[in-house]
Amino acid sequence: MKLSETDLIFNPDGSIYHLNLRPEHIADTIITVGDPERVPMVSKYFDSVEIKVNKREFVTHTGKLGKKRITVISSGIGTDNVEILMNELDALVNVNFQTREVKPKHKSLNIIRIGTSGSLQANIPINSVVVSALGIGMDALGFFYDSYGNNITEKLKNTLGLDFLPYCNPAGADLFNHFMDNAPENWVEGTTVTCPGFYAPQGRVLRYKAKINGLMEKMSSFNLDGIRLSNLEMETAGYYLMGKLLGHQVLSISAILASRKSNEFSKNPEKQVDTLIKQVLERLR
């Protein structure tokens, strides 16, 4: 299968369009963050950095942690950016850039998202970490790919009175088991809701009337056979959808900076994120 010049776009230097990367620029293990300024917060712990590339919100550093080669790259906010990132990362390892043909042998990447989030449950306080077993997408990305709902998303649709069916996918099993094996005490398994915005879609009300009354209460009280919704953010479900479709191991790990039950926000969010970065890197050595 050969990809056209409009389906797969290259820059004049042969790099892929948005990320500005060539295949040799990335490692098989990739850490993703939303904020471009978090990329150096991760790479400062590398023993060496060999590559630094910046384009738009996509900032990439690749280097060595001990003997392990690791890439850290920022996505920006939202599943629209995640869709670009995941497609182009996949192309970097599974498409021959000289011939534009899909390689006959598939290569799977390990992609770990380090993010921030707000909890929906009182027993997941600030300073907790949610490791997402499931990602539920409340955005439209799933309607453009082969994505499916399940009994969780059917009930969520009815509970919230939605006009659409959310999509749901699991974490990569190998990565999930690796990171949850002997995990720190404040790490919890969760079902993460990915929202298409930060304000009204996450129950924040400023100068408008919310369309869904009591959104936070409805989400926090949701329960299906013991499955509760643990936290809200804006990327995880997109990663899990694209990981499943493209055949990559993906895991989302989120520092809880806000408690939506108590309306508290972290007094030291940078310290929380830094601690999580170090914990993730230690488990990648």
C-alpha atoms as a PDB file:
ATOM      1  CA  MET A   1       0.000   0.000   0.000  1.00  0.00           C
ATOM      2  CA  LYS A   2       1.465   3.338  -1.111  1.00  0.00           C
ATOM      3  CA  LEU A   3       0.315   6.537   0.602  1.00  0.00           C
ATOM      4  CA  SER A   4      -0.362   9.672  -1.432  1.00  0.00           C
ATOM      5  CA  GLU A   5       1.365  13.036  -0.977  1.00  0.00           C
ATOM      6  CA  THR A   6      -1.804  14.499   0.544  1.00  0.00           C
ATOM      7  CA  ASP A   7      -2.419  11.595   2.942  1.00  0.00           C
ATOM      8  CA  LEU A   8       1.140  11.549   4.274  1.00  0.00           C
ATOM      9  CA  ILE A   9       2.790  14.958   4.068  1.00  0.00           C
ATOM     10  CA  PHE A  10       6.542  15.480   4.371  1.00  0.00           C
ATOM     11  CA  ASN A  11       8.456  18.690   4.995  1.00  0.00           C
ATOM     12  CA  PRO A  12      11.268  19.681   2.589  1.00  0.00           C
ATOM     13  CA  ASP A  13      13.844  18.063   4.894  1.00  0.00           C
ATOM     14  CA  GLY A  14      12.025  14.717   4.729  1.00  0.00           C
ATOM     15  CA  SER A  15      10.467  14.996   8.183  1.00  0.00           C
ATOM     16  CA  ILE A  16       6.807  14.283   8.874  1.00  0.00           C
ATOM     17  CA  TYR A  17       4.520  17.308   8.572  1.00  0.00           C
ATOM     18  CA  HIS A  18       3.444  18.329  12.098  1.00  0.00           C
ATOM     19  CA  LEU A  19       6.035  16.696  14.327  1.00  0.00           C
ATOM     20  CA  ASN A  20       8.973  17.689  12.101  1.00  0.00           C
ATOM     21  CA  LEU A  21      10.602  14.348  12.898  1.00  0.00           C
ATOM     22  CA  ARG A  22      12.342  11.662  10.853  1.00  0.00           C
ATOM     23  CA  PRO A  23      12.275   7.958  11.811  1.00  0.00           C
ATOM     24  CA  GLU A  24      15.725   8.047  13.417  1.00  0.00           C
ATOM     25  CA  HIS A  25      14.611  10.811  15.785  1.00  0.00           C
ATOM     26  CA  ILE A  26      12.345   8.676  17.992  1.00  0.00           C
ATOM     27  CA  ALA A  27      12.869   5.778  20.372  1.00  0.00           C
ATOM     28  CA  ASP A  28      10.639   2.720  20.796  1.00  0.00           C
ATOM     29  CA  THR A  29       9.640   3.990  24.253  1.00  0.00           C
ATOM     30  CA  ILE A  30       7.873   7.335  24.177  1.00  0.00           C
ATOM     31  CA  ILE A  31       6.659   9.539  27.024  1.00  0.00           C
ATOM     32  CA  THR A  32       4.023  12.075  26.083  1.00  0.00           C
ATOM     33  CA  VAL A  33       3.012  15.212  27.968  1.00  0.00           C
ATOM     34  CA  GLY A  34       0.491  17.898  27.112  1.00  0.00           C
ATOM     35  CA  ASP A  35       2.398  21.053  27.974  1.00  0.00           C
ATOM     36  CA  PRO A  36       5.499  21.703  25.813  1.00  0.00           C
ATOM     37  CA  GLU A  37       7.204  23.161  28.897  1.00  0.00           C
ATOM     38  CA  ARG A  38       6.984  19.748  30.571  1.00  0.00           C
ATOM     39  CA  VAL A  39       9.259  18.166  27.967  1.00  0.00           C
ATOM     40  CA  PRO A  40      12.477  19.547  29.551  1.00  0.00           C
ATOM     41  CA  MET A  41      11.028  18.661  32.969  1.00  0.00           C
ATOM     42  CA  VAL A  42      11.302  15.045  31.826  1.00  0.00           C
ATOM     43  CA  SER A  43      14.481  15.155  29.740  1.00  0.00           C
ATOM     44  CA  LYS A  44      16.480  16.867  32.493  1.00  0.00           C
ATOM     45  CA  TYR A  45      16.568  13.441  34.165  1.00  0.00           C
ATOM     46  CA  PHE A  46      18.026  11.750  31.069  1.00  0.00           C
ATOM     47  CA  ASP A  47      21.722  10.917  31.215  1.00  0.00           C
ATOM     48  CA  SER A  48      22.096  12.476  27.772  1.00  0.00           C
ATOM     49  CA  VAL A  49      19.915  14.228  25.175  1.00  0.00           C
ATOM     50  CA  GLU A  50      20.802  13.660  21.517  1.00  0.00           C
ATOM     51  CA  ILE A  51      17.867  15.293  19.719  1.00  0.00           C
ATOM     52  CA  LYS A  52      15.766  18.413  20.325  1.00  0.00           C
ATOM     53  CA  VAL A  53      13.080  19.375  17.804  1.00  0.00           C
ATOM     54  CA  ASN A  54      10.400  22.084  18.180  1.00  0.00           C
ATOM     55  CA  LYS A  55       7.423  22.700  15.936  1.00  0.00           C
ATOM     56  CA  ARG A  56       4.119  24.270  17.011  1.00  0.00           C
ATOM     57  CA  GLU A  57       2.999  22.613  20.251  1.00  0.00           C
ATOM     58  CA  PHE A  58       5.019  19.496  19.429  1.00  0.00           C
ATOM     59  CA  VAL A  59       8.353  19.601  21.273  1.00  0.00           C
ATOM     60  CA  THR A  60      10.524  16.475  21.141  1.00  0.00           C
ATOM     61  CA  HIS A  61      13.606  15.430  23.122  1.00  0.00           C
ATOM     62  CA  THR A  62      15.239  12.015  22.608  1.00  0.00           C
ATOM     63  CA  GLY A  63      18.037  10.728  24.766  1.00  0.00           C
ATOM     64  CA  LYS A  64      19.348   7.991  27.030  1.00  0.00           C
ATOM     65  CA  LEU A  65      18.282   6.960  30.519  1.00  0.00           C
ATOM     66  CA  GLY A  66      21.004   4.539  31.483  1.00  0.00           C
ATOM     67  CA  LYS A  67      21.196   2.232  28.472  1.00  0.00           C
ATOM     68  CA  LYS A  68      17.574   2.838  27.472  1.00  0.00           C
ATOM     69  CA  ARG A  69      16.732   5.242  24.650  1.00  0.00           C
ATOM     70  CA  ILE A  70      13.599   7.300  25.382  1.00  0.00           C
ATOM     71  CA  THR A  71      11.693  10.028  23.570  1.00  0.00           C
ATOM     72  CA  VAL A  72       9.560  12.630  25.327  1.00  0.00           C
ATOM     73  CA  ILE A  73       7.158  14.669  23.197  1.00  0.00           C
ATOM     74  CA  SER A  74       4.379  17.159  23.890  1.00  0.00           C
ATOM     75  CA  SER A  75       0.943  16.897  22.307  1.00  0.00           C
ATOM     76  CA  GLY A  76      -0.756  20.111  23.350  1.00  0.00           C
ATOM     77  CA  ILE A  77      -4.312  19.926  24.687  1.00  0.00           C
ATOM     78  CA  GLY A  78      -7.126  17.706  23.423  1.00  0.00           C
ATOM     79  CA  THR A  79      -7.762  14.547  21.435  1.00  0.00           C
ATOM     80  CA  ASP A  80      -7.499  16.424  18.125  1.00  0.00           C
ATOM     81  CA  ASN A  81      -3.799  16.940  18.847  1.00  0.00           C
ATOM     82  CA  VAL A  82      -3.477  13.367  20.118  1.00  0.00           C
ATOM     83  CA  GLU A  83      -4.876  12.111  16.807  1.00  0.00           C
ATOM     84  CA  ILE A  84      -2.155  13.977  14.906  1.00  0.00           C
ATOM     85  CA  LEU A  85       0.570  12.835  17.279  1.00  0.00           C
ATOM     86  CA  MET A  86      -0.405   9.157  17.246  1.00  0.00           C
ATOM     87  CA  ASN A  87      -0.846   8.948  13.466  1.00  0.00           C
ATOM     88  CA  GLU A  88       2.514  10.570  12.820  1.00  0.00           C
ATOM     89  CA  LEU A  89       4.362   8.523  15.444  1.00  0.00           C
ATOM     90  CA  ASP A  90       2.920   5.395  13.843  1.00  0.00           C
ATOM     91  CA  ALA A  91       3.978   6.537  10.381  1.00  0.00           C
ATOM     92  CA  LEU A  92       7.521   7.139  11.632  1.00  0.00           C
ATOM     93  CA  VAL A  93       7.921   3.439  12.475  1.00  0.00           C
ATOM     94  CA  ASN A  94       5.491   1.695  10.123  1.00  0.00           C
ATOM     95  CA  VAL A  95       5.866   3.561   6.813  1.00  0.00           C
ATOM     96  CA  ASN A  96       8.898   3.566   4.529  1.00  0.00           C
ATOM     97  CA  PHE A  97       9.583   7.287   4.044  1.00  0.00           C
ATOM     98  CA  GLN A  98      11.479   6.686   0.784  1.00  0.00           C
ATOM     99  CA  THR A  99       8.735   4.713  -0.971  1.00  0.00           C
ATOM    100  CA  ARG A 100       5.653   5.890   1.005  1.00  0.00           C
ATOM    101  CA  GLU A 101       4.681   2.245   1.384  1.00  0.00           C
ATOM    102  CA  VAL A 102       3.414   0.655   4.589  1.00  0.00           C
ATOM    103  CA  LYS A 103       6.079  -1.693   5.922  1.00  0.00           C
ATOM    104  CA  PRO A 104       5.165  -5.400   5.766  1.00  0.00           C
ATOM    105  CA  LYS A 105       6.173  -5.979   9.404  1.00  0.00           C
ATOM    106  CA  HIS A 106       4.312  -3.933  12.024  1.00  0.00           C
ATOM    107  CA  LYS A 107       6.249  -2.260  14.835  1.00  0.00           C
ATOM    108  CA  SER A 108       4.586  -1.508  18.166  1.00  0.00           C
ATOM    109  CA  LEU A 109       5.654   1.443  20.295  1.00  0.00           C
ATOM    110  CA  ASN A 110       5.358   1.778  24.069  1.00  0.00           C
ATOM    111  CA  ILE A 111       3.692   5.132  24.742  1.00  0.00           C
ATOM    112  CA  ILE A 112       3.229   6.420  28.289  1.00  0.00           C
ATOM    113  CA  ARG A 113       1.278   9.602  28.867  1.00  0.00           C
ATOM    114  CA  ILE A 114       2.156  11.624  31.965  1.00  0.00           C
ATOM    115  CA  GLY A 115      -0.731  13.992  32.565  1.00  0.00           C
ATOM    116  CA  THR A 116      -2.686  15.960  35.140  1.00  0.00           C
ATOM    117  CA  SER A 117      -6.290  15.500  36.096  1.00  0.00           C
ATOM    118  CA  GLY A 118      -9.141  16.193  38.490  1.00  0.00           C
ATOM    119  CA  SER A 119     -10.675  13.410  40.575  1.00  0.00           C
ATOM    120  CA  LEU A 120     -14.376  12.634  40.791  1.00  0.00           C
ATOM    121  CA  GLN A 121     -14.215  10.529  43.955  1.00  0.00           C
ATOM    122  CA  ALA A 122     -13.524  11.530  47.557  1.00  0.00           C
ATOM    123  CA  ASN A 123     -11.250   8.505  47.986  1.00  0.00           C
ATOM    124  CA  ILE A 124      -8.955   9.794  45.214  1.00  0.00           C
ATOM    125  CA  PRO A 125      -7.578  12.938  46.855  1.00  0.00           C
ATOM    126  CA  ILE A 126      -5.051  15.501  45.667  1.00  0.00           C
ATOM    127  CA  ASN A 127      -1.572  13.933  45.516  1.00  0.00           C
ATOM    128  CA  SER A 128      -3.024  10.651  44.233  1.00  0.00           C
ATOM    129  CA  VAL A 129      -2.079   9.191  40.863  1.00  0.00           C
ATOM    130  CA  VAL A 130      -4.646   7.552  38.570  1.00  0.00           C
ATOM    131  CA  VAL A 131      -3.440   4.848  36.207  1.00  0.00           C
ATOM    132  CA  SER A 132      -6.198   4.604  33.633  1.00  0.00           C
ATOM    133  CA  ALA A 133      -7.429   1.067  32.997  1.00  0.00           C
ATOM    134  CA  LEU A 134     -10.160   2.478  30.728  1.00  0.00           C
ATOM    135  CA  GLY A 135     -10.503   5.719  28.781  1.00  0.00           C
ATOM    136  CA  ILE A 136     -14.010   6.962  27.953  1.00  0.00           C
ATOM    137  CA  GLY A 137     -14.180   9.546  25.177  1.00  0.00           C
ATOM    138  CA  MET A 138     -16.863  12.237  25.359  1.00  0.00           C
ATOM    139  CA  ASP A 139     -15.540  13.905  22.201  1.00  0.00           C
ATOM    140  CA  ALA A 140     -16.282  13.355  18.507  1.00  0.00           C
ATOM    141  CA  LEU A 141     -12.976  11.719  17.543  1.00  0.00           C
ATOM    142  CA  GLY A 142     -14.429   8.233  17.889  1.00  0.00           C
ATOM    143  CA  PHE A 143     -17.050   8.933  15.230  1.00  0.00           C
ATOM    144  CA  PHE A 144     -14.359   9.181  12.528  1.00  0.00           C
ATOM    145  CA  TYR A 145     -12.671   5.881  13.403  1.00  0.00           C
ATOM    146  CA  ASP A 146     -13.894   2.356  14.128  1.00  0.00           C
ATOM    147  CA  SER A 147     -14.769   2.873  17.771  1.00  0.00           C
ATOM    148  CA  TYR A 148     -17.444   1.271  19.854  1.00  0.00           C
ATOM    149  CA  GLY A 149     -19.411   1.819  23.005  1.00  0.00           C
ATOM    150  CA  ASN A 150     -20.163  -0.768  25.657  1.00  0.00           C
ATOM    151  CA  ASN A 151     -22.453  -1.183  28.638  1.00  0.00           C
ATOM    152  CA  ILE A 152     -20.505   1.532  30.498  1.00  0.00           C
ATOM    153  CA  THR A 153     -20.903   4.102  27.740  1.00  0.00           C
ATOM    154  CA  GLU A 154     -24.552   3.157  27.171  1.00  0.00           C
ATOM    155  CA  LYS A 155     -25.341   3.836  30.821  1.00  0.00           C
ATOM    156  CA  LEU A 156     -23.273   7.030  30.809  1.00  0.00           C
ATOM    157  CA  LYS A 157     -25.165   8.269  27.760  1.00  0.00           C
ATOM    158  CA  ASN A 158     -28.474   7.683  29.534  1.00  0.00           C
ATOM    159  CA  THR A 159     -27.282   9.074  32.875  1.00  0.00           C
ATOM    160  CA  LEU A 160     -26.118  12.355  31.328  1.00  0.00           C
ATOM    161  CA  GLY A 161     -28.854  12.588  28.683  1.00  0.00           C
ATOM    162  CA  LEU A 162     -26.343  12.724  25.829  1.00  0.00           C
ATOM    163  CA  ASP A 163     -27.310  12.825  22.153  1.00  0.00           C
ATOM    164  CA  PHE A 164     -24.334  10.606  21.262  1.00  0.00           C
ATOM    165  CA  LEU A 165     -22.675   7.434  22.472  1.00  0.00           C
ATOM    166  CA  PRO A 166     -19.241   7.885  24.081  1.00  0.00           C
ATOM    167  CA  TYR A 167     -16.466   5.466  23.094  1.00  0.00           C
ATOM    168  CA  CYS A 168     -14.345   3.359  25.407  1.00  0.00           C
ATOM    169  CA  ASN A 169     -11.038   1.494  25.133  1.00  0.00           C
ATOM    170  CA  PRO A 170      -8.632  -0.139  27.594  1.00  0.00           C
ATOM    171  CA  ALA A 171      -5.005   0.608  28.338  1.00  0.00           C
ATOM    172  CA  GLY A 172      -2.296  -1.525  26.783  1.00  0.00           C
ATOM    173  CA  ALA A 173      -2.296  -4.594  29.019  1.00  0.00           C
ATOM    174  CA  ASP A 174       1.482  -5.084  29.083  1.00  0.00           C
ATOM    175  CA  LEU A 175       2.191  -1.497  30.107  1.00  0.00           C
ATOM    176  CA  PHE A 176      -0.663  -1.417  32.607  1.00  0.00           C
ATOM    177  CA  ASN A 177       0.561  -4.579  34.343  1.00  0.00           C
ATOM    178  CA  HIS A 178       4.176  -3.373  34.342  1.00  0.00           C
ATOM    179  CA  PHE A 179       3.352  -0.038  35.979  1.00  0.00           C
ATOM    180  CA  MET A 180       0.769  -1.364  38.452  1.00  0.00           C
ATOM    181  CA  ASP A 181       2.984  -4.207  39.673  1.00  0.00           C
ATOM    182  CA  ASN A 182       4.269  -3.029  43.075  1.00  0.00           C
ATOM    183  CA  ALA A 183       3.048   0.499  42.319  1.00  0.00           C
ATOM    184  CA  PRO A 184       3.398   3.264  44.945  1.00  0.00           C
ATOM    185  CA  GLU A 185       0.615   3.320  47.557  1.00  0.00           C
ATOM    186  CA  ASN A 186      -0.963   6.503  46.179  1.00  0.00           C
ATOM    187  CA  TRP A 187      -1.368   5.026  42.667  1.00  0.00           C
ATOM    188  CA  VAL A 188      -4.887   3.792  41.936  1.00  0.00           C
ATOM    189  CA  GLU A 189      -6.511   2.046  38.976  1.00  0.00           C
ATOM    190  CA  GLY A 190      -9.143   4.224  37.354  1.00  0.00           C
ATOM    191  CA  THR A 191     -11.759   4.715  34.676  1.00  0.00           C
ATOM    192  CA  THR A 192     -10.931   8.056  33.095  1.00  0.00           C
ATOM    193  CA  VAL A 193     -13.378  10.358  31.327  1.00  0.00           C
ATOM    194  CA  THR A 194     -11.865  12.374  28.474  1.00  0.00           C
ATOM    195  CA  CYS A 195     -13.759  15.611  27.846  1.00  0.00           C
ATOM    196  CA  PRO A 196     -13.801  17.874  24.753  1.00  0.00           C
ATOM    197  CA  GLY A 197     -13.174  20.998  26.822  1.00  0.00           C
ATOM    198  CA  PHE A 198     -11.980  22.264  30.188  1.00  0.00           C
ATOM    199  CA  TYR A 199     -14.967  24.306  31.339  1.00  0.00           C
ATOM    200  CA  ALA A 200     -18.590  23.260  30.674  1.00  0.00           C
ATOM    201  CA  PRO A 201     -17.661  19.709  29.528  1.00  0.00           C
ATOM    202  CA  GLN A 202     -15.987  19.238  32.918  1.00  0.00           C
ATOM    203  CA  GLY A 203     -18.803  20.838  34.902  1.00  0.00           C
ATOM    204  CA  ARG A 204     -17.208  24.249  35.367  1.00  0.00           C
ATOM    205  CA  VAL A 205     -19.644  27.144  35.198  1.00  0.00           C
ATOM    206  CA  LEU A 206     -18.455  30.721  34.636  1.00  0.00           C
ATOM    207  CA  ARG A 207     -20.694  33.250  32.842  1.00  0.00           C
ATOM    208  CA  TYR A 208     -23.227  30.854  31.361  1.00  0.00           C
ATOM    209  CA  LYS A 209     -25.866  28.328  32.278  1.00  0.00           C
ATOM    210  CA  ALA A 210     -24.746  24.731  32.000  1.00  0.00           C
ATOM    211  CA  LYS A 211     -26.717  22.551  29.583  1.00  0.00           C
ATOM    212  CA  ILE A 212     -26.373  19.453  31.802  1.00  0.00           C
ATOM    213  CA  ASN A 213     -27.468  20.237  35.329  1.00  0.00           C
ATOM    214  CA  GLY A 214     -25.484  18.535  38.083  1.00  0.00           C
ATOM    215  CA  LEU A 215     -22.902  17.096  35.684  1.00  0.00           C
ATOM    216  CA  MET A 216     -20.262  16.529  38.357  1.00  0.00           C
ATOM    217  CA  GLU A 217     -22.676  14.837  40.738  1.00  0.00           C
ATOM    218  CA  LYS A 218     -23.998  12.584  37.987  1.00  0.00           C
ATOM    219  CA  MET A 219     -20.468  11.569  37.014  1.00  0.00           C
ATOM    220  CA  SER A 220     -19.198  11.057  40.554  1.00  0.00           C
ATOM    221  CA  SER A 221     -22.239   8.945  41.522  1.00  0.00           C
ATOM    222  CA  PHE A 222     -22.077   6.793  38.366  1.00  0.00           C
ATOM    223  CA  ASN A 223     -21.736   3.101  39.247  1.00  0.00           C
ATOM    224  CA  LEU A 224     -22.057   0.068  37.003  1.00  0.00           C
ATOM    225  CA  ASP A 225     -21.290  -3.234  38.716  1.00  0.00           C
ATOM    226  CA  GLY A 226     -18.689  -1.513  40.888  1.00  0.00           C
ATOM    227  CA  ILE A 227     -17.117   0.489  38.062  1.00  0.00           C
ATOM    228  CA  ARG A 228     -16.890   4.139  39.077  1.00  0.00           C
ATOM    229  CA  LEU A 229     -15.637   7.125  37.087  1.00  0.00           C
ATOM    230  CA  SER A 230     -12.361   8.171  38.686  1.00  0.00           C
ATOM    231  CA  ASN A 231     -11.160  11.349  36.988  1.00  0.00           C
ATOM    232  CA  LEU A 232     -11.584  13.924  34.220  1.00  0.00           C
ATOM    233  CA  GLU A 233      -9.062  15.160  31.663  1.00  0.00           C
ATOM    234  CA  MET A 234      -8.771  15.801  27.902  1.00  0.00           C
ATOM    235  CA  GLU A 235      -6.497  13.244  26.189  1.00  0.00           C
ATOM    236  CA  THR A 236      -6.564   9.667  27.532  1.00  0.00           C
ATOM    237  CA  ALA A 237      -9.438   8.208  25.487  1.00  0.00           C
ATOM    238  CA  GLY A 238      -7.870   9.541  22.288  1.00  0.00           C
ATOM    239  CA  TYR A 239      -4.596   7.792  23.100  1.00  0.00           C
ATOM    240  CA  TYR A 240      -6.356   4.528  23.887  1.00  0.00           C
ATOM    241  CA  LEU A 241      -8.478   4.659  20.732  1.00  0.00           C
ATOM    242  CA  MET A 242      -5.527   5.362  18.440  1.00  0.00           C
ATOM    243  CA  GLY A 243      -3.318   2.868  20.275  1.00  0.00           C
ATOM    244  CA  LYS A 244      -5.880   0.131  19.715  1.00  0.00           C
ATOM    245  CA  LEU A 245      -6.401   0.992  16.037  1.00  0.00           C
ATOM    246  CA  LEU A 246      -2.702   1.377  15.238  1.00  0.00           C
ATOM    247  CA  GLY A 247      -1.420  -1.488  17.381  1.00  0.00           C
ATOM    248  CA  HIS A 248       0.628   0.295  20.032  1.00  0.00           C
ATOM    249  CA  GLN A 249       0.882  -0.220  23.799  1.00  0.00           C
ATOM    250  CA  VAL A 250      -0.452   2.949  25.442  1.00  0.00           C
ATOM    251  CA  LEU A 251      -0.873   3.878  29.105  1.00  0.00           C
ATOM    252  CA  SER A 252      -2.093   7.111  30.684  1.00  0.00           C
ATOM    253  CA  ILE A 253      -0.889   8.053  34.174  1.00  0.00           C
ATOM    254  CA  SER A 254      -2.289  11.225  35.745  1.00  0.00           C
ATOM    255  CA  ALA A 255      -1.297  13.278  38.767  1.00  0.00           C
ATOM    256  CA  ILE A 256      -4.451  14.377  40.578  1.00  0.00           C
ATOM    257  CA  LEU A 257      -4.149  18.145  40.991  1.00  0.00           C
ATOM    258  CA  ALA A 258      -7.816  18.866  41.737  1.00  0.00           C
ATOM    259  CA  SER A 259     -10.583  17.267  43.772  1.00  0.00           C
ATOM    260  CA  ARG A 260     -13.924  18.020  42.166  1.00  0.00           C
ATOM    261  CA  LYS A 261     -15.691  16.640  45.248  1.00  0.00           C
ATOM    262  CA  SER A 262     -14.085  19.086  47.675  1.00  0.00           C
ATOM    263  CA  ASN A 263     -13.318  21.866  45.147  1.00  0.00           C
ATOM    264  CA  GLU A 264      -9.665  21.898  46.204  1.00  0.00           C
ATOM    265  CA  PHE A 265      -6.686  22.469  43.935  1.00  0.00           C
ATOM    266  CA  SER A 266      -3.097  21.439  44.584  1.00  0.00           C
ATOM    267  CA  LYS A 267      -0.964  23.952  46.457  1.00  0.00           C
ATOM    268  CA  ASN A 268       2.173  22.693  44.684  1.00  0.00           C
ATOM    269  CA  PRO A 269       1.242  21.221  41.287  1.00  0.00           C
ATOM    270  CA  GLU A 270       4.771  21.418  39.856  1.00  0.00           C
ATOM    271  CA  LYS A 271       6.128  19.278  42.694  1.00  0.00           C
ATOM    272  CA  GLN A 272       3.402  16.685  42.128  1.00  0.00           C
ATOM    273  CA  VAL A 273       4.161  16.480  38.425  1.00  0.00           C
ATOM    274  CA  ASP A 274       7.911  16.290  39.057  1.00  0.00           C
ATOM    275  CA  THR A 275       7.416  13.441  41.535  1.00  0.00           C
ATOM    276  CA  LEU A 276       5.308  11.531  39.016  1.00  0.00           C
ATOM    277  CA  ILE A 277       7.886  12.064  36.264  1.00  0.00           C
ATOM    278  CA  LYS A 278      10.611  10.581  38.463  1.00  0.00           C
ATOM    279  CA  GLN A 279       8.403   7.626  39.426  1.00  0.00           C
ATOM    280  CA  VAL A 280       7.613   6.843  35.780  1.00  0.00           C
ATOM    281  CA  LEU A 281      11.246   7.119  34.682  1.00  0.00           C
ATOM    282  CA  GLU A 282      12.366   4.847  37.511  1.00  0.00           C
ATOM    283  CA  ARG A 283       9.946   2.168  36.298  1.00  0.00           C
ATOM    284  CA  LEU A 284      11.293   2.523  32.744  1.00  0.00           C
ATOM    285  CA  ARG A 285      14.927   1.919  33.630  1.00  0.00           C
END
